[in-house]
PDB file of N, CA and C in Angstrom:
ATOM      1  N   UNK A   1       8.542 -31.295   4.972  1.00  0.00           N
ATOM      2  CA  UNK A   1       8.123 -29.997   5.592  1.00  0.00           C
ATOM      3  C   UNK A   1       7.229 -29.088   4.489  1.00  0.00           C
ATOM      4  N   UNK A   2       5.440 -28.972   5.235  1.00  0.00           N
ATOM      5  CA  UNK A   2       4.746 -28.207   4.284  1.00  0.00           C
ATOM      6  C   UNK A   2       5.306 -26.735   3.732  1.00  0.00           C
ATOM      7  N   UNK A   3       5.138 -25.940   2.867  1.00  0.00           N
ATOM      8  CA  UNK A   3       4.957 -24.886   2.062  1.00  0.00           C
ATOM      9  C   UNK A   3       4.551 -24.097   3.179  1.00  0.00           C
ATOM     10  N   UNK A   4       4.526 -22.768   3.719  1.00  0.00           N
ATOM     11  CA  UNK A   4       3.933 -22.221   4.390  1.00  0.00           C
ATOM     12  C   UNK A   4       2.913 -20.918   3.474  1.00  0.00           C
ATOM     13  N   UNK A   5       2.493 -20.271   4.103  1.00  0.00           N
ATOM     14  CA  UNK A   5       1.362 -19.260   3.130  1.00  0.00           C
ATOM     15  C   UNK A   5       2.626 -18.259   2.940  1.00  0.00           C
ATOM     16  N   UNK A   6       3.601 -17.785   3.467  1.00  0.00           N
ATOM     17  CA  UNK A   6       4.012 -16.477   2.787  1.00  0.00           C
ATOM     18  C   UNK A   6       5.024 -16.777   1.487  1.00  0.00           C
ATOM     19  N   UNK A   7       4.637 -15.506   0.619  1.00  0.00           N
ATOM     20  CA  UNK A   7       5.210 -15.290  -0.297  1.00  0.00           C
ATOM     21  C   UNK A   7       6.235 -14.042  -0.120  1.00  0.00           C
ATOM     22  N   UNK A   8       7.266 -13.870  -0.912  1.00  0.00           N
ATOM     23  CA  UNK A   8       8.067 -12.959  -1.645  1.00  0.00           C
ATOM     24  C   UNK A   8       7.685 -12.702  -2.892  1.00  0.00           C
ATOM     25  N   UNK A   9       7.219 -11.024  -2.735  1.00  0.00           N
ATOM     26  CA  UNK A   9       7.183 -10.206  -4.612  1.00  0.00           C
ATOM     27  C   UNK A   9       7.880  -9.253  -4.694  1.00  0.00           C
ATOM     28  N   UNK A  10       8.433  -9.750  -5.916  1.00  0.00           N
ATOM     29  CA  UNK A  10       9.792  -9.342  -6.168  1.00  0.00           C
ATOM     30  C   UNK A  10       9.338  -7.903  -7.734  1.00  0.00           C
ATOM     31  N   UNK A  11       9.865  -6.848  -7.100  1.00  0.00           N
ATOM     32  CA  UNK A  11       9.785  -5.621  -8.605  1.00  0.00           C
ATOM     33  C   UNK A  11      10.481  -4.510  -8.798  1.00  0.00           C
ATOM     34  N   UNK A  12      10.999  -4.493  -9.633  1.00  0.00           N
ATOM     35  CA  UNK A  12      11.621  -3.086  -9.930  1.00  0.00           C
ATOM     36  C   UNK A  12      11.560  -1.988 -10.579  1.00  0.00           C
ATOM     37  N   UNK A  13      11.729  -1.266  -9.844  1.00  0.00           N
ATOM     38  CA  UNK A  13      11.571   0.477 -10.465  1.00  0.00           C
ATOM     39  C   UNK A  13      12.512   0.543 -10.893  1.00  0.00           C
ATOM     40  N   UNK A  14      11.829   1.957 -11.728  1.00  0.00           N
ATOM     41  CA  UNK A  14      13.189   2.942 -12.362  1.00  0.00           C
ATOM     42  C   UNK A  14      13.574   4.237 -11.337  1.00  0.00           C
ATOM     43  N   UNK A  15      12.636   4.334 -10.337  1.00  0.00           N
ATOM     44  CA  UNK A  15      12.994   5.157  -9.626  1.00  0.00           C
ATOM     45  C   UNK A  15      12.660   4.875  -7.965  1.00  0.00           C
ATOM     46  N   UNK A  16      13.857   5.495  -6.970  1.00  0.00           N
ATOM     47  CA  UNK A  16      13.482   5.358  -5.735  1.00  0.00           C
ATOM     48  C   UNK A  16      12.079   5.762  -5.115  1.00  0.00           C
ATOM     49  N   UNK A  17      12.022   6.914  -5.644  1.00  0.00           N
ATOM     50  CA  UNK A  17       9.974   7.473  -5.570  1.00  0.00           C
ATOM     51  C   UNK A  17       9.086   6.897  -6.246  1.00  0.00           C
ATOM     52  N   UNK A  18       9.661   6.014  -6.976  1.00  0.00           N
ATOM     53  CA  UNK A  18       7.887   4.778  -7.424  1.00  0.00           C
ATOM     54  C   UNK A  18       7.927   3.170  -6.169  1.00  0.00           C
ATOM     55  N   UNK A  19       9.474   3.230  -6.433  1.00  0.00           N
ATOM     56  CA  UNK A  19       9.220   2.253  -5.002  1.00  0.00           C
ATOM     57  C   UNK A  19       8.887   2.462  -3.588  1.00  0.00           C
ATOM     58  N   UNK A  20       9.335   3.713  -3.209  1.00  0.00           N
ATOM     59  CA  UNK A  20       8.499   4.132  -1.982  1.00  0.00           C
ATOM     60  C   UNK A  20       6.803   3.965  -1.734  1.00  0.00           C
ATOM     61  N   UNK A  21       7.106   4.521  -2.798  1.00  0.00           N
ATOM     62  CA  UNK A  21       4.958   4.491  -3.523  1.00  0.00           C
ATOM     63  C   UNK A  21       4.781   3.801  -3.196  1.00  0.00           C
ATOM     64  N   UNK A  22       5.007   2.591  -3.971  1.00  0.00           N
ATOM     65  CA  UNK A  22       4.387   1.317  -3.956  1.00  0.00           C
ATOM     66  C   UNK A  22       4.879   0.403  -2.646  1.00  0.00           C
ATOM     67  N   UNK A  23       5.754   0.623  -1.911  1.00  0.00           N
ATOM     68  CA  UNK A  23       5.857   0.377  -0.613  1.00  0.00           C
ATOM     69  C   UNK A  23       4.807   0.703   0.437  1.00  0.00           C
ATOM     70  N   UNK A  24       4.704   2.049   0.730  1.00  0.00           N
ATOM     71  CA  UNK A  24       3.989   2.629   1.505  1.00  0.00           C
ATOM     72  C   UNK A  24       2.403   2.036   1.237  1.00  0.00           C
ATOM     73  N   UNK A  25       2.011   2.087  -0.223  1.00  0.00           N
ATOM     74  CA  UNK A  25       0.808   1.911  -0.228  1.00  0.00           C
ATOM     75  C   UNK A  25       0.585   0.266   0.076  1.00  0.00           C
ATOM     76  N   UNK A  26       1.168  -0.602  -0.066  1.00  0.00           N
ATOM     77  CA  UNK A  26       1.335  -2.054   0.109  1.00  0.00           C
ATOM     78  C   UNK A  26       1.087  -2.308   1.496  1.00  0.00           C
ATOM     79  N   UNK A  27       2.146  -1.688   2.465  1.00  0.00           N
ATOM     80  CA  UNK A  27       2.516  -2.159   4.045  1.00  0.00           C
ATOM     81  C   UNK A  27       1.111  -0.881   4.542  1.00  0.00           C
ATOM     82  N   UNK A  28       0.809  -0.185   4.430  1.00  0.00           N
ATOM     83  CA  UNK A  28      -0.022   0.987   4.876  1.00  0.00           C
ATOM     84  C   UNK A  28      -1.411   0.796   4.995  1.00  0.00           C
ATOM     85  N   UNK A  29      -1.508  -0.395   3.687  1.00  0.00           N
ATOM     86  CA  UNK A  29      -3.187  -0.333   3.252  1.00  0.00           C
ATOM     87  C   UNK A  29      -3.024  -1.999   4.252  1.00  0.00           C
ATOM     88  N   UNK A  30      -2.303  -2.643   4.481  1.00  0.00           N
ATOM     89  CA  UNK A  30      -2.177  -4.105   5.499  1.00  0.00           C
ATOM     90  C   UNK A  30      -2.061  -4.866   4.082  1.00  0.00           C
ATOM     91  N   UNK A  31      -1.498  -4.905   2.783  1.00  0.00           N
ATOM     92  CA  UNK A  31      -1.363  -6.247   1.621  1.00  0.00           C
ATOM     93  C   UNK A  31      -0.462  -6.331   2.142  1.00  0.00           C
ATOM     94  N   UNK A  32       1.201  -6.416   2.684  1.00  0.00           N
ATOM     95  CA  UNK A  32       1.924  -6.232   3.164  1.00  0.00           C
ATOM     96  C   UNK A  32       2.397  -6.674   4.502  1.00  0.00           C
ATOM     97  N   UNK A  33       3.774  -7.586   4.950  1.00  0.00           N
ATOM     98  CA  UNK A  33       3.823  -6.866   6.394  1.00  0.00           C
ATOM     99  C   UNK A  33       5.078  -5.998   6.513  1.00  0.00           C
ATOM    100  N   UNK A  34       6.141  -6.117   4.860  1.00  0.00           N
ATOM    101  CA  UNK A  34       7.432  -5.362   5.083  1.00  0.00           C
ATOM    102  C   UNK A  34       7.432  -5.438   3.693  1.00  0.00           C
ATOM    103  N   UNK A  35       8.686  -4.472   3.387  1.00  0.00           N
ATOM    104  CA  UNK A  35       9.221  -4.152   1.839  1.00  0.00           C
ATOM    105  C   UNK A  35      10.285  -3.883   1.962  1.00  0.00           C
ATOM    106  N   UNK A  36      11.236  -4.772   1.472  1.00  0.00           N
ATOM    107  CA  UNK A  36      12.958  -4.417   1.877  1.00  0.00           C
ATOM    108  C   UNK A  36      13.013  -3.239   0.113  1.00  0.00           C
ATOM    109  N   UNK A  37      13.678  -2.401   0.427  1.00  0.00           N
ATOM    110  CA  UNK A  37      14.060  -1.441  -0.991  1.00  0.00           C
ATOM    111  C   UNK A  37      15.807  -1.976  -1.049  1.00  0.00           C
ATOM    112  N   UNK A  38      16.064  -1.964  -1.909  1.00  0.00           N
ATOM    113  CA  UNK A  38      17.504  -2.654  -1.911  1.00  0.00           C
ATOM    114  C   UNK A  38      17.390  -1.651  -3.593  1.00  0.00           C
ATOM    115  N   UNK A  39      18.618   0.062  -3.259  1.00  0.00           N
ATOM    116  CA  UNK A  39      19.116   0.914  -4.557  1.00  0.00           C
ATOM    117  C   UNK A  39      19.987   0.414  -5.041  1.00  0.00           C
ATOM    118  N   UNK A  40      19.882   1.104  -6.134  1.00  0.00           N
ATOM    119  CA  UNK A  40      21.145   0.914  -7.481  1.00  0.00           C
ATOM    120  C   UNK A  40      21.156  -0.755  -7.413  1.00  0.00           C
ATOM    121  N   UNK A  41      20.320  -1.316  -8.161  1.00  0.00           N
ATOM    122  CA  UNK A  41      20.928  -2.534  -9.029  1.00  0.00           C
ATOM    123  C   UNK A  41      20.841  -2.454 -10.185  1.00  0.00           C
ATOM    124  N   UNK A  42      21.540  -2.926 -10.562  1.00  0.00           N
ATOM    125  CA  UNK A  42      21.972  -2.831 -12.092  1.00  0.00           C
ATOM    126  C   UNK A  42      20.668  -4.028 -12.999  1.00  0.00           C
ATOM    127  N   UNK A  43      20.008  -4.025 -13.854  1.00  0.00           N
ATOM    128  CA  UNK A  43      19.170  -4.601 -14.784  1.00  0.00           C
ATOM    129  C   UNK A  43      19.817  -4.862 -16.536  1.00  0.00           C
ATOM    130  N   UNK A  44      20.420  -6.207 -16.989  1.00  0.00           N
ATOM    131  CA  UNK A  44      20.223  -5.934 -17.956  1.00  0.00           C
ATOM    132  C   UNK A  44      19.293  -6.827 -18.800  1.00  0.00           C
ATOM    133  N   UNK A  45      18.668  -6.243 -19.797  1.00  0.00           N
ATOM    134  CA  UNK A  45      17.599  -7.075 -20.418  1.00  0.00           C
ATOM    135  C   UNK A  45      17.036  -6.700 -21.940  1.00  0.00           C
ATOM    136  N   UNK A  46      16.272  -7.811 -22.017  1.00  0.00           N
ATOM    137  CA  UNK A  46      15.944  -7.459 -23.583  1.00  0.00           C
ATOM    138  C   UNK A  46      14.485  -6.793 -23.543  1.00  0.00           C
ATOM    139  N   UNK A  47      14.290  -5.836 -24.310  1.00  0.00           N
ATOM    140  CA  UNK A  47      13.297  -5.579 -24.391  1.00  0.00           C
ATOM    141  C   UNK A  47      13.092  -4.534 -26.088  1.00  0.00           C
ATOM    142  N   UNK A  48      11.549  -4.821 -26.339  1.00  0.00           N
ATOM    143  CA  UNK A  48      11.147  -4.088 -27.755  1.00  0.00           C
ATOM    144  C   UNK A  48      12.565  -3.821 -28.704  1.00  0.00           C
ATOM    145  N   UNK A  49      13.138  -4.950 -29.255  1.00  0.00           N
ATOM    146  CA  UNK A  49      14.257  -5.326 -29.976  1.00  0.00           C
ATOM    147  C   UNK A  49      14.975  -4.804 -29.586  1.00  0.00           C
ATOM    148  N   UNK A  50      15.667  -4.691 -28.458  1.00  0.00           N
ATOM    149  CA  UNK A  50      16.869  -3.986 -28.071  1.00  0.00           C
ATOM    150  C   UNK A  50      17.359  -4.543 -26.675  1.00  0.00           C
ATOM    151  N   UNK A  51      19.206  -4.856 -25.890  1.00  0.00           N
ATOM    152  CA  UNK A  51      19.051  -5.084 -24.891  1.00  0.00           C
ATOM    153  C   UNK A  51      19.242  -3.828 -24.559  1.00  0.00           C
ATOM    154  N   UNK A  52      19.243  -3.835 -23.056  1.00  0.00           N
ATOM    155  CA  UNK A  52      19.160  -2.180 -22.350  1.00  0.00           C
ATOM    156  C   UNK A  52      19.965  -2.440 -21.148  1.00  0.00           C
ATOM    157  N   UNK A  53      20.480  -1.659 -20.478  1.00  0.00           N
ATOM    158  CA  UNK A  53      20.942  -1.719 -18.846  1.00  0.00           C
ATOM    159  C   UNK A  53      21.001  -0.337 -18.557  1.00  0.00           C
ATOM    160  N   UNK A  54      19.965  -0.699 -17.519  1.00  0.00           N
ATOM    161  CA  UNK A  54      19.644   0.823 -16.596  1.00  0.00           C
ATOM    162  C   UNK A  54      19.705   0.350 -15.157  1.00  0.00           C
ATOM    163  N   UNK A  55      19.438   1.789 -14.329  1.00  0.00           N
ATOM    164  CA  UNK A  55      19.583   1.368 -12.842  1.00  0.00           C
ATOM    165  C   UNK A  55      18.028   1.305 -12.503  1.00  0.00           C
ATOM    166  N   UNK A  56      18.194   0.350 -11.490  1.00  0.00           N
ATOM    167  CA  UNK A  56      17.010   0.014 -10.700  1.00  0.00           C
ATOM    168  C   UNK A  56      16.442  -0.059  -9.313  1.00  0.00           C
ATOM    169  N   UNK A  57      15.789   0.119  -8.838  1.00  0.00           N
ATOM    170  CA  UNK A  57      15.665  -0.276  -7.280  1.00  0.00           C
ATOM    171  C   UNK A  57      14.657  -1.704  -7.368  1.00  0.00           C
ATOM    172  N   UNK A  58      15.118  -2.607  -6.383  1.00  0.00           N
ATOM    173  CA  UNK A  58      14.715  -3.796  -6.318  1.00  0.00           C
ATOM    174  C   UNK A  58      13.601  -3.850  -4.872  1.00  0.00           C
ATOM    175  N   UNK A  59      12.183  -3.923  -4.847  1.00  0.00           N
ATOM    176  CA  UNK A  59      11.670  -4.050  -3.592  1.00  0.00           C
ATOM    177  C   UNK A  59      11.308  -5.599  -3.384  1.00  0.00           C
ATOM    178  N   UNK A  60      11.590  -6.388  -2.132  1.00  0.00           N
ATOM    179  CA  UNK A  60      11.182  -7.653  -1.710  1.00  0.00           C
ATOM    180  C   UNK A  60      10.098  -7.383  -0.793  1.00  0.00           C
ATOM    181  N   UNK A  61       9.073  -7.906  -1.502  1.00  0.00           N
ATOM    182  CA  UNK A  61       7.381  -7.621  -0.600  1.00  0.00           C
ATOM    183  C   UNK A  61       6.944  -8.830   0.072  1.00  0.00           C
ATOM    184  N   UNK A  62       6.953  -8.833   1.494  1.00  0.00           N
ATOM    185  CA  UNK A  62       6.417  -9.875   2.350  1.00  0.00           C
ATOM    186  C   UNK A  62       5.364 -10.094   2.457  1.00  0.00           C
ATOM    187  N   UNK A  63       4.254 -11.003   2.308  1.00  0.00           N
ATOM    188  CA  UNK A  63       2.988 -11.030   2.615  1.00  0.00           C
ATOM    189  C   UNK A  63       2.737 -12.502   2.423  1.00  0.00           C
ATOM    190  N   UNK A  64       1.582 -13.026   2.137  1.00  0.00           N
ATOM    191  CA  UNK A  64       1.076 -14.074   1.473  1.00  0.00           C
ATOM    192  C   UNK A  64       0.327 -14.112   0.803  1.00  0.00           C
ATOM    193  N   UNK A  65       0.235 -15.845   0.018  1.00  0.00           N
ATOM    194  CA  UNK A  65      -0.688 -16.207  -1.033  1.00  0.00           C
ATOM    195  C   UNK A  65      -1.468 -15.319  -1.328  1.00  0.00           C
ATOM    196  N   UNK A  66      -2.524 -15.670   0.329  1.00  0.00           N
ATOM    197  CA  UNK A  66      -3.959 -14.980  -0.967  1.00  0.00           C
ATOM    198  C   UNK A  66      -3.731 -13.491  -0.982  1.00  0.00           C
ATOM    199  N   UNK A  67      -2.788 -12.493  -0.512  1.00  0.00           N
ATOM    200  CA  UNK A  67      -2.332 -11.674  -0.877  1.00  0.00           C
ATOM    201  C   UNK A  67      -2.011 -10.923  -2.303  1.00  0.00           C
ATOM    202  N   UNK A  68      -1.473 -11.997  -3.022  1.00  0.00           N
ATOM    203  CA  UNK A  68      -0.559 -11.930  -4.194  1.00  0.00           C
ATOM    204  C   UNK A  68      -1.329 -11.163  -5.152  1.00  0.00           C
ATOM    205  N   UNK A  69      -2.804 -11.085  -5.666  1.00  0.00           N
ATOM    206  CA  UNK A  69      -3.665 -10.842  -6.292  1.00  0.00           C
ATOM    207  C   UNK A  69      -3.581  -8.883  -5.994  1.00  0.00           C
ATOM    208  N   UNK A  70      -4.126  -8.716  -4.417  1.00  0.00           N
ATOM    209  CA  UNK A  70      -4.387  -7.458  -4.490  1.00  0.00           C
ATOM    210  C   UNK A  70      -2.606  -6.587  -4.425  1.00  0.00           C
ATOM    211  N   UNK A  71      -1.559  -7.192  -4.179  1.00  0.00           N
ATOM    212  CA  UNK A  71      -0.336  -6.747  -4.436  1.00  0.00           C
ATOM    213  C   UNK A  71      -0.024  -6.039  -5.672  1.00  0.00           C
ATOM    214  N   UNK A  72      -0.285  -7.173  -6.401  1.00  0.00           N
ATOM    215  CA  UNK A  72       0.189  -7.153  -7.957  1.00  0.00           C
ATOM    216  C   UNK A  72      -0.716  -5.895  -8.592  1.00  0.00           C
ATOM    217  N   UNK A  73      -2.156  -5.831  -8.084  1.00  0.00           N
ATOM    218  CA  UNK A  73      -2.773  -4.669  -8.879  1.00  0.00           C
ATOM    219  C   UNK A  73      -2.273  -3.392  -8.286  1.00  0.00           C
ATOM    220  N   UNK A  74      -1.913  -3.242  -7.116  1.00  0.00           N
ATOM    221  CA  UNK A  74      -1.192  -2.174  -6.639  1.00  0.00           C
ATOM    222  C   UNK A  74      -0.142  -2.246  -7.678  1.00  0.00           C
ATOM    223  N   UNK A  75       0.469  -2.681  -7.650  1.00  0.00           N
ATOM    224  CA  UNK A  75       2.323  -2.570  -8.010  1.00  0.00           C
ATOM    225  C   UNK A  75       2.062  -1.954  -9.596  1.00  0.00           C
ATOM    226  N   UNK A  76       1.135  -2.646 -10.279  1.00  0.00           N
ATOM    227  CA  UNK A  76       0.676  -2.357 -11.503  1.00  0.00           C
ATOM    228  C   UNK A  76       0.136  -0.895 -12.154  1.00  0.00           C
ATOM    229  N   UNK A  77      -0.891  -0.449 -11.085  1.00  0.00           N
ATOM    230  CA  UNK A  77      -1.622   0.715 -10.945  1.00  0.00           C
ATOM    231  C   UNK A  77      -0.466   1.642 -11.010  1.00  0.00           C
ATOM    232  N   UNK A  78       0.369   1.360  -9.588  1.00  0.00           N
ATOM    233  CA  UNK A  78       1.281   2.819  -9.265  1.00  0.00           C
ATOM    234  C   UNK A  78       2.609   2.755  -9.838  1.00  0.00           C
ATOM    235  N   UNK A  79       2.865   1.910 -10.690  1.00  0.00           N
ATOM    236  CA  UNK A  79       3.867   1.486 -11.489  1.00  0.00           C
ATOM    237  C   UNK A  79       4.132   2.358 -12.962  1.00  0.00           C
ATOM    238  N   UNK A  80       5.605   2.614 -13.390  1.00  0.00           N
ATOM    239  CA  UNK A  80       5.459   3.720 -14.081  1.00  0.00           C
ATOM    240  C   UNK A  80       6.117   2.785 -15.770  1.00  0.00           C
ATOM    241  N   UNK A  81       6.230   1.518 -14.812  1.00  0.00           N
ATOM    242  CA  UNK A  81       6.780   1.002 -16.225  1.00  0.00           C
ATOM    243  C   UNK A  81       5.500   0.169 -17.297  1.00  0.00           C
ATOM    244  N   UNK A  82       5.453   0.232 -17.886  1.00  0.00           N
ATOM    245  CA  UNK A  82       4.437  -0.378 -19.073  1.00  0.00           C
ATOM    246  C   UNK A  82       4.406  -1.946 -18.905  1.00  0.00           C
ATOM    247  N   UNK A  83       5.168  -2.907 -18.728  1.00  0.00           N
ATOM    248  CA  UNK A  83       5.029  -4.083 -18.018  1.00  0.00           C
ATOM    249  C   UNK A  83       5.996  -4.321 -16.813  1.00  0.00           C
ATOM    250  N   UNK A  84       5.576  -4.035 -15.998  1.00  0.00           N
ATOM    251  CA  UNK A  84       6.153  -4.260 -14.343  1.00  0.00           C
ATOM    252  C   UNK A  84       6.386  -5.333 -13.964  1.00  0.00           C
ATOM    253  N   UNK A  85       7.851  -5.712 -13.438  1.00  0.00           N
ATOM    254  CA  UNK A  85       8.151  -7.281 -13.232  1.00  0.00           C
ATOM    255  C   UNK A  85       7.247  -7.032 -11.800  1.00  0.00           C
ATOM    256  N   UNK A  86       6.326  -8.792 -11.870  1.00  0.00           N
ATOM    257  CA  UNK A  86       5.575  -8.979 -10.249  1.00  0.00           C
ATOM    258  C   UNK A  86       5.891 -10.786 -10.303  1.00  0.00           C
ATOM    259  N   UNK A  87       6.658 -10.974  -9.870  1.00  0.00           N
ATOM    260  CA  UNK A  87       7.541 -12.367  -9.683  1.00  0.00           C
ATOM    261  C   UNK A  87       7.004 -13.073  -8.208  1.00  0.00           C
ATOM    262  N   UNK A  88       6.935 -13.723  -7.798  1.00  0.00           N
ATOM    263  CA  UNK A  88       6.477 -14.734  -6.830  1.00  0.00           C
ATOM    264  C   UNK A  88       7.470 -15.807  -6.589  1.00  0.00           C
ATOM    265  N   UNK A  89       8.002 -15.703  -5.236  1.00  0.00           N
ATOM    266  CA  UNK A  89       8.668 -16.964  -4.407  1.00  0.00           C
ATOM    267  C   UNK A  89       8.090 -17.705  -3.426  1.00  0.00           C
ATOM    268  N   UNK A  90       7.728 -18.518  -3.703  1.00  0.00           N
ATOM    269  CA  UNK A  90       7.261 -19.291  -2.219  1.00  0.00           C
ATOM    270  C   UNK A  90       8.260 -19.311  -0.959  1.00  0.00           C
ATOM    271  N   UNK A  91       7.846 -19.189  -0.112  1.00  0.00           N
ATOM    272  CA  UNK A  91       8.946 -19.069   1.483  1.00  0.00           C
ATOM    273  C   UNK A  91       8.320 -20.638   1.845  1.00  0.00           C
ATOM    274  N   UNK A  92      10.110 -21.620   1.431  1.00  0.00           N
ATOM    275  CA  UNK A  92       9.508 -22.981   1.934  1.00  0.00           C
ATOM    276  C   UNK A  92       9.683 -23.421   3.600  1.00  0.00           C
ATOM    277  N   UNK A  93      10.265 -22.440   4.117  1.00  0.00           N
ATOM    278  CA  UNK A  93      10.958 -22.852   5.211  1.00  0.00           C
ATOM    279  C   UNK A  93      10.761 -21.058   5.873  1.00  0.00           C
ATOM    280  N   UNK A  94      10.334 -21.076   7.159  1.00  0.00           N
ATOM    281  CA  UNK A  94      10.146 -19.594   7.907  1.00  0.00           C
ATOM    282  C   UNK A  94       9.981 -20.059   9.312  1.00  0.00           C
ATOM    283  N   UNK A  95      10.787 -19.196  10.507  1.00  0.00           N
ATOM    284  CA  UNK A  95      10.711 -19.465  11.519  1.00  0.00           C
ATOM    285  C   UNK A  95       9.617 -19.028  12.326  1.00  0.00           C
ATOM    286  N   UNK A  96       9.001 -19.593  13.326  1.00  0.00           N
ATOM    287  CA  UNK A  96       7.226 -19.599  13.519  1.00  0.00           C
ATOM    288  C   UNK A  96       7.207 -18.241  13.668  1.00  0.00           C
ATOM    289  N   UNK A  97       7.858 -17.346  14.671  1.00  0.00           N
ATOM    290  CA  UNK A  97       7.647 -16.152  15.253  1.00  0.00           C
ATOM    291  C   UNK A  97       7.374 -15.096  13.708  1.00  0.00           C
ATOM    292  N   UNK A  98       8.359 -14.948  12.821  1.00  0.00           N
ATOM    293  CA  UNK A  98       8.426 -14.444  11.405  1.00  0.00           C
ATOM    294  C   UNK A  98       7.156 -14.662  10.718  1.00  0.00           C
ATOM    295  N   UNK A  99       6.961 -15.781  10.490  1.00  0.00           N
ATOM    296  CA  UNK A  99       5.766 -16.250   9.730  1.00  0.00           C
ATOM    297  C   UNK A  99       4.509 -15.733  10.757  1.00  0.00           C
ATOM    298  N   UNK A 100       4.928 -15.795  11.695  1.00  0.00           N
ATOM    299  CA  UNK A 100       3.215 -15.239  12.727  1.00  0.00           C
ATOM    300  C   UNK A 100       3.277 -14.000  12.817  1.00  0.00           C
ATOM    301  N   UNK A 101       4.374 -12.746  12.301  1.00  0.00           N
ATOM    302  CA  UNK A 101       4.659 -11.840  12.502  1.00  0.00           C
ATOM    303  C   UNK A 101       3.264 -11.115  11.148  1.00  0.00           C
ATOM    304  N   UNK A 102       4.238 -12.153  10.185  1.00  0.00           N
ATOM    305  CA  UNK A 102       3.797 -11.835   8.126  1.00  0.00           C
ATOM    306  C   UNK A 102       1.592 -11.581   8.356  1.00  0.00           C
ATOM    307  N   UNK A 103       1.644 -13.193   8.763  1.00  0.00           N
ATOM    308  CA  UNK A 103       0.725 -13.193   9.228  1.00  0.00           C
ATOM    309  C   UNK A 103      -0.573 -11.982   9.667  1.00  0.00           C
ATOM    310  N   UNK A 104      -0.043 -12.212  11.290  1.00  0.00           N
ATOM    311  CA  UNK A 104      -0.580 -10.988  11.937  1.00  0.00           C
ATOM    312  C   UNK A 104      -0.826  -9.118  11.120  1.00  0.00           C
ATOM    313  N   UNK A 105       0.517  -8.953  10.434  1.00  0.00           N
ATOM    314  CA  UNK A 105       0.261  -7.631   9.789  1.00  0.00           C
ATOM    315  C   UNK A 105      -0.229  -7.494   8.803  1.00  0.00           C
ATOM    316  N   UNK A 106      -0.493  -8.950   7.788  1.00  0.00           N
ATOM    317  CA  UNK A 106      -1.503  -8.590   6.729  1.00  0.00           C
ATOM    318  C   UNK A 106      -2.789  -8.965   7.034  1.00  0.00           C
ATOM    319  N   UNK A 107      -3.219  -9.775   8.383  1.00  0.00           N
ATOM    320  CA  UNK A 107      -4.675  -9.665   8.603  1.00  0.00           C
ATOM    321  C   UNK A 107      -5.263  -8.461   9.593  1.00  0.00           C
ATOM    322  N   UNK A 108      -4.530  -7.436   9.840  1.00  0.00           N
ATOM    323  CA  UNK A 108      -5.028  -6.722  10.891  1.00  0.00           C
ATOM    324  C   UNK A 108      -6.195  -5.618   9.796  1.00  0.00           C
ATOM    325  N   UNK A 109      -6.744  -3.962  10.634  1.00  0.00           N
ATOM    326  CA  UNK A 109      -7.663  -3.472   9.991  1.00  0.00           C
ATOM    327  C   UNK A 109      -6.294  -2.447   9.500  1.00  0.00           C
ATOM    328  N   UNK A 110      -6.911  -2.370   7.691  1.00  0.00           N
ATOM    329  CA  UNK A 110      -6.333  -1.036   7.657  1.00  0.00           C
ATOM    330  C   UNK A 110      -5.927   0.418   8.097  1.00  0.00           C
TER     331      UNK A 110
END
């Protein structure tokens, strides 16, 4: 089965305000079809010489491969972190209707 053109971009934010700002920017401008906002996750990580445990908000951004660079740029511009997490997961399979919806949503005039 060939991989779809759809991707999910993951990023975490330090606040719901930042998460909502990023979500609105990418959807309202037509760069993403949908953003799920998962509040109150805990992240344990190593950074600048030490380990940290912080509460964050995760975004699951549904878009297409050709919008990755633009979404990544928006995240970088609006994010409060020095090094924001920007990871992409390919969507190997997807229902035809949902895939059509993603494709249509990101090809509209903003």
